[in-house]
Amino acid sequence: QGGYSTDMTVHQRFAFKVPEGMPLEVAGPLCCAGITTYSPLSRHVKGKKDQHVGVVGFGGLGMMAVKIAKAMGAKVTIFSRSNAKKEEAAALGAELVAT
């Protein structure tokens, strides 16, 4: 049944319970964009000093990458095609460079 399934079987290593009270519209992006960006950042940035992360694009994945990289203590530069989201980037503590 794919996305319309009511249950599934999966190894516990690949599953977690969404915390009580967390809206699914919040949990969804964390499960998708969150793990997509967290995985490489945890391997290459987490726990290391003086890291500088470059993020290409500031859409869904890019915004999540910025939040996670900043939480890991990295300096973040976003490469974008325009300055349209420069203020939003600065609010998250990142520098946006339009190319």
Protein backbone atom coordinates (compact mmCIF):
# COMPACT_ATOMS: atom_id res chain seq x y z
CA GLN A 1 0.00 0.00 0.00
CA GLY A 2 3.02 2.32 0.07
CA GLY A 3 2.38 5.74 1.64
CA TYR A 4 -1.16 4.77 2.55
CA SER A 5 -0.14 1.81 4.73
CA THR A 6 -1.40 1.64 8.28
CA ASP A 7 1.55 -0.40 9.57
CA MET A 8 4.95 -1.73 8.53
CA THR A 9 7.76 -3.96 9.71
CA VAL A 10 11.17 -2.39 10.17
CA HIS A 11 14.26 -3.06 12.26
CA GLN A 12 14.18 -0.97 15.45
CA ARG A 13 17.46 0.67 14.48
CA PHE A 14 15.64 2.53 11.71
CA ALA A 15 12.54 3.57 13.65
CA PHE A 16 11.72 5.97 16.42
CA LYS A 17 8.57 7.20 18.09
CA VAL A 18 7.42 10.73 17.37
CA PRO A 19 7.23 12.44 20.77
CA GLU A 20 3.78 12.90 22.26
CA GLY A 21 2.44 16.33 21.37
CA MET A 22 4.78 16.91 18.40
CA PRO A 23 2.65 17.83 15.37
CA LEU A 24 3.23 15.58 12.36
CA GLU A 25 3.87 18.65 10.17
CA VAL A 26 6.89 19.33 12.40
CA ALA A 27 8.00 15.69 12.61
CA GLY A 28 7.86 15.14 8.84
CA PRO A 29 10.62 17.59 7.85
CA LEU A 30 12.83 16.36 10.68
CA CYS A 31 12.44 12.77 9.47
CA CYS A 32 13.16 13.64 5.84
CA ALA A 33 15.32 16.75 5.44
CA GLY A 34 16.64 16.40 8.98
CA ILE A 35 18.18 12.97 8.58
CA THR A 36 19.33 13.72 5.02
CA THR A 37 21.43 16.63 6.26
CA TYR A 38 22.25 15.37 9.77
CA SER A 39 23.95 12.21 8.57
CA PRO A 40 26.87 13.81 6.66
CA LEU A 41 27.16 16.68 9.15
CA SER A 42 27.47 14.25 12.03
CA ARG A 43 30.27 12.40 10.20
CA HIS A 44 32.25 15.45 9.08
CA VAL A 45 31.40 18.31 11.48
CA LYS A 46 30.00 17.14 14.81
CA GLY A 47 32.53 17.23 17.63
CA LYS A 48 35.23 18.99 15.60
CA LYS A 49 36.55 22.48 16.27
CA ASP A 50 36.56 25.42 13.85
CA GLN A 51 34.37 23.85 11.17
CA HIS A 52 33.05 25.94 8.28
CA VAL A 53 30.16 24.43 6.31
CA GLY A 54 29.09 25.52 2.83
CA VAL A 55 25.44 24.92 1.93
CA VAL A 56 24.30 25.14 -1.69
CA GLY A 57 20.74 26.43 -1.81
CA PHE A 58 18.50 27.67 0.99
CA GLY A 59 15.32 25.69 0.43
CA GLY A 60 14.06 22.83 2.59
CA LEU A 61 17.28 20.82 2.80
CA GLY A 62 19.49 23.88 2.89
CA MET A 63 17.57 25.49 5.73
CA MET A 64 17.69 22.27 7.76
CA ALA A 65 21.43 21.91 7.05
CA VAL A 66 22.04 25.45 8.32
CA LYS A 67 20.11 24.82 11.54
CA ILE A 68 21.88 21.54 12.25
CA ALA A 69 25.37 22.80 11.33
CA LYS A 70 24.92 25.88 13.53
CA ALA A 71 23.73 23.64 16.39
CA MET A 72 26.97 21.67 15.96
CA GLY A 73 28.94 24.90 16.35
CA ALA A 74 30.00 25.37 12.72
CA LYS A 75 30.27 28.63 10.84
CA VAL A 76 27.88 28.43 7.86
CA THR A 77 27.96 30.06 4.44
CA ILE A 78 25.01 29.59 2.09
CA PHE A 79 25.53 29.78 -1.66
CA SER A 80 22.40 30.92 -3.47
CA ARG A 81 21.39 32.37 -6.83
CA SER A 82 19.89 35.49 -5.24
CA ASN A 83 19.91 37.62 -2.11
CA ALA A 84 16.17 37.07 -1.56
CA LYS A 85 16.67 35.12 1.69
CA LYS A 86 19.66 37.06 3.02
CA GLU A 87 17.78 38.33 6.09
CA GLU A 88 16.39 34.86 6.84
CA ALA A 89 19.91 33.41 6.60
CA ALA A 90 21.28 36.08 8.94
CA ALA A 91 18.51 35.34 11.45
CA LEU A 92 19.81 31.75 11.60
CA GLY A 93 23.39 32.98 12.01
CA ALA A 94 24.56 32.17 8.49
CA GLU A 95 26.12 34.26 5.75
CA LEU A 96 24.42 34.14 2.34
CA VAL A 97 26.54 34.61 -0.78
CA ALA A 98 24.71 35.14 -4.06
CA THR A 99 26.50 33.66 -7.06
